[in-house]
N, C-alpha and C. Protein backbone atom coordinates (compact mmCIF):
# COMPACT_ATOMS: atom_id res chain seq x y z
N MET A 1 -8.69 -31.07 36.83
CA MET A 1 -9.84 -30.47 36.17
C MET A 1 -10.24 -31.39 35.01
N THR A 2 -11.51 -31.54 34.82
CA THR A 2 -12.00 -32.41 33.76
C THR A 2 -12.00 -31.68 32.43
N SER A 3 -12.18 -32.44 31.38
CA SER A 3 -12.22 -31.86 30.04
C SER A 3 -13.38 -30.88 29.90
N ALA A 4 -14.53 -31.23 30.47
CA ALA A 4 -15.70 -30.35 30.41
C ALA A 4 -15.43 -29.05 31.17
N GLY A 5 -14.73 -29.14 32.28
CA GLY A 5 -14.41 -27.95 33.07
C GLY A 5 -13.49 -27.01 32.32
N ARG A 6 -12.48 -27.56 31.64
CA ARG A 6 -11.57 -26.73 30.86
C ARG A 6 -12.30 -26.07 29.69
N GLN A 7 -13.19 -26.82 29.07
CA GLN A 7 -13.93 -26.27 27.93
C GLN A 7 -14.85 -25.14 28.39
N GLU A 8 -15.48 -25.32 29.55
CA GLU A 8 -16.36 -24.29 30.09
C GLU A 8 -15.56 -23.03 30.43
N GLU A 9 -14.37 -23.21 30.98
CA GLU A 9 -13.50 -22.09 31.31
C GLU A 9 -13.08 -21.35 30.04
N ARG A 10 -12.79 -22.09 28.99
CA ARG A 10 -12.40 -21.48 27.72
C ARG A 10 -13.55 -20.66 27.14
N PHE A 11 -14.78 -21.19 27.22
CA PHE A 11 -15.94 -20.45 26.72
C PHE A 11 -16.16 -19.18 27.52
N ASP A 12 -15.96 -19.24 28.84
CA ASP A 12 -16.10 -18.05 29.68
C ASP A 12 -15.09 -17.00 29.27
N ASP A 13 -13.86 -17.41 29.00
CA ASP A 13 -12.81 -16.48 28.58
C ASP A 13 -13.17 -15.85 27.23
N GLU A 14 -13.67 -16.65 26.31
CA GLU A 14 -14.08 -16.13 25.00
C GLU A 14 -15.24 -15.16 25.15
N ASP A 15 -16.19 -15.48 26.02
CA ASP A 15 -17.32 -14.58 26.25
C ASP A 15 -16.85 -13.23 26.78
N ARG A 16 -15.87 -13.25 27.68
CA ARG A 16 -15.34 -11.99 28.21
C ARG A 16 -14.68 -11.18 27.11
N ARG A 17 -13.93 -11.84 26.24
CA ARG A 17 -13.28 -11.11 25.14
C ARG A 17 -14.30 -10.53 24.18
N VAL A 18 -15.34 -11.29 23.86
CA VAL A 18 -16.39 -10.80 22.96
C VAL A 18 -17.11 -9.61 23.60
N ASP A 19 -17.42 -9.70 24.89
CA ASP A 19 -18.07 -8.59 25.58
C ASP A 19 -17.23 -7.33 25.53
N GLU A 20 -15.92 -7.47 25.69
CA GLU A 20 -15.02 -6.32 25.63
C GLU A 20 -15.02 -5.69 24.24
N ILE A 21 -15.01 -6.51 23.22
CA ILE A 21 -15.02 -6.00 21.84
C ILE A 21 -16.33 -5.28 21.56
N VAL A 22 -17.44 -5.86 21.98
CA VAL A 22 -18.75 -5.24 21.74
C VAL A 22 -18.86 -3.93 22.51
N ARG A 23 -18.29 -3.87 23.70
CA ARG A 23 -18.34 -2.65 24.51
C ARG A 23 -17.63 -1.49 23.82
N ARG A 24 -16.57 -1.78 23.07
CA ARG A 24 -15.82 -0.71 22.38
C ARG A 24 -16.63 -0.08 21.26
N GLY A 25 -17.57 -0.80 20.68
CA GLY A 25 -18.44 -0.24 19.66
C GLY A 25 -17.90 -0.44 18.26
N PRO A 26 -18.70 -0.04 17.29
CA PRO A 26 -18.37 -0.27 15.88
C PRO A 26 -17.55 0.86 15.26
N SER A 27 -16.46 1.26 15.89
CA SER A 27 -15.69 2.41 15.38
C SER A 27 -15.11 2.13 14.00
N GLY A 28 -14.67 0.92 13.75
CA GLY A 28 -14.12 0.59 12.43
C GLY A 28 -15.17 0.69 11.34
N THR A 29 -16.39 0.31 11.67
CA THR A 29 -17.49 0.39 10.71
C THR A 29 -17.74 1.83 10.31
N PHE A 30 -17.75 2.72 11.30
CA PHE A 30 -17.97 4.13 11.00
C PHE A 30 -16.82 4.71 10.19
N ALA A 31 -15.61 4.26 10.43
CA ALA A 31 -14.46 4.74 9.67
C ALA A 31 -14.57 4.31 8.21
N VAL A 32 -14.93 3.06 7.97
CA VAL A 32 -15.08 2.58 6.59
C VAL A 32 -16.22 3.32 5.89
N ALA A 33 -17.34 3.52 6.58
CA ALA A 33 -18.47 4.24 5.98
C ALA A 33 -18.09 5.69 5.68
N GLY A 34 -17.33 6.31 6.56
CA GLY A 34 -16.90 7.69 6.33
C GLY A 34 -15.97 7.80 5.14
N VAL A 35 -15.04 6.88 5.02
CA VAL A 35 -14.12 6.90 3.87
C VAL A 35 -14.88 6.66 2.58
N ALA A 36 -15.80 5.71 2.59
CA ALA A 36 -16.59 5.43 1.38
C ALA A 36 -17.42 6.65 0.97
N THR A 37 -18.02 7.33 1.94
CA THR A 37 -18.80 8.53 1.65
C THR A 37 -17.91 9.63 1.08
N ALA A 38 -16.73 9.80 1.66
CA ALA A 38 -15.80 10.82 1.15
C ALA A 38 -15.38 10.53 -0.28
N ILE A 39 -15.17 9.26 -0.60
CA ILE A 39 -14.79 8.89 -1.97
C ILE A 39 -15.92 9.21 -2.95
N VAL A 40 -17.15 8.88 -2.57
CA VAL A 40 -18.30 9.16 -3.45
C VAL A 40 -18.46 10.66 -3.67
N VAL A 41 -18.34 11.45 -2.61
CA VAL A 41 -18.47 12.90 -2.74
C VAL A 41 -17.34 13.46 -3.61
N ALA A 42 -16.12 12.95 -3.41
CA ALA A 42 -14.99 13.41 -4.23
C ALA A 42 -15.20 13.09 -5.70
N ILE A 43 -15.68 11.88 -6.00
CA ILE A 43 -15.94 11.51 -7.40
C ILE A 43 -17.01 12.42 -7.99
N TYR A 44 -18.04 12.75 -7.22
CA TYR A 44 -19.09 13.65 -7.70
C TYR A 44 -18.51 15.01 -8.06
N PHE A 45 -17.70 15.59 -7.16
CA PHE A 45 -17.13 16.90 -7.44
C PHE A 45 -16.15 16.86 -8.62
N ILE A 46 -15.37 15.81 -8.72
CA ILE A 46 -14.44 15.69 -9.85
C ILE A 46 -15.21 15.63 -11.16
N PHE A 47 -16.29 14.85 -11.20
CA PHE A 47 -17.12 14.78 -12.40
C PHE A 47 -17.72 16.14 -12.70
N TYR A 48 -18.24 16.81 -11.68
CA TYR A 48 -18.88 18.11 -11.88
C TYR A 48 -17.88 19.13 -12.41
N ILE A 49 -16.69 19.16 -11.84
CA ILE A 49 -15.71 20.17 -12.23
C ILE A 49 -15.11 19.88 -13.60
N PHE A 50 -14.77 18.62 -13.88
CA PHE A 50 -14.04 18.32 -15.11
C PHE A 50 -14.91 17.87 -16.27
N ALA A 51 -16.14 17.50 -16.04
CA ALA A 51 -16.99 17.04 -17.14
C ALA A 51 -18.19 17.95 -17.37
N TYR A 52 -18.82 18.42 -16.32
CA TYR A 52 -20.04 19.19 -16.48
C TYR A 52 -19.76 20.67 -16.72
N LEU A 53 -18.93 21.29 -15.91
CA LEU A 53 -18.67 22.72 -16.05
C LEU A 53 -18.02 23.10 -17.39
N PRO A 54 -17.07 22.34 -17.92
CA PRO A 54 -16.47 22.73 -19.19
C PRO A 54 -17.47 22.73 -20.36
N ARG A 55 -18.56 22.01 -20.25
CA ARG A 55 -19.56 21.99 -21.34
C ARG A 55 -20.31 23.29 -21.43
N GLY A 56 -20.39 24.04 -20.37
CA GLY A 56 -21.12 25.29 -20.37
C GLY A 56 -22.61 25.06 -20.18
N ALA A 57 -23.38 26.12 -20.36
CA ALA A 57 -24.81 26.04 -20.17
C ALA A 57 -25.47 25.31 -21.35
N VAL A 58 -26.43 24.50 -21.04
CA VAL A 58 -27.20 23.80 -22.07
C VAL A 58 -28.38 24.69 -22.44
N GLN A 59 -28.55 24.91 -23.77
CA GLN A 59 -29.63 25.81 -24.21
C GLN A 59 -30.72 25.05 -24.90
């Protein structure tokens, strides 16, 4: 087999691996976005409970 043939075979193998990864979808991306959203919501509630509520009503 020539050098060009081996290189072409390697690219075909890489293309198959990339196609398999893309087929699985962006599940890790959604996990990171979900965790980030949960952290932001938690910080909001912590601020609301420990900083805003103890001040009482503003008159």
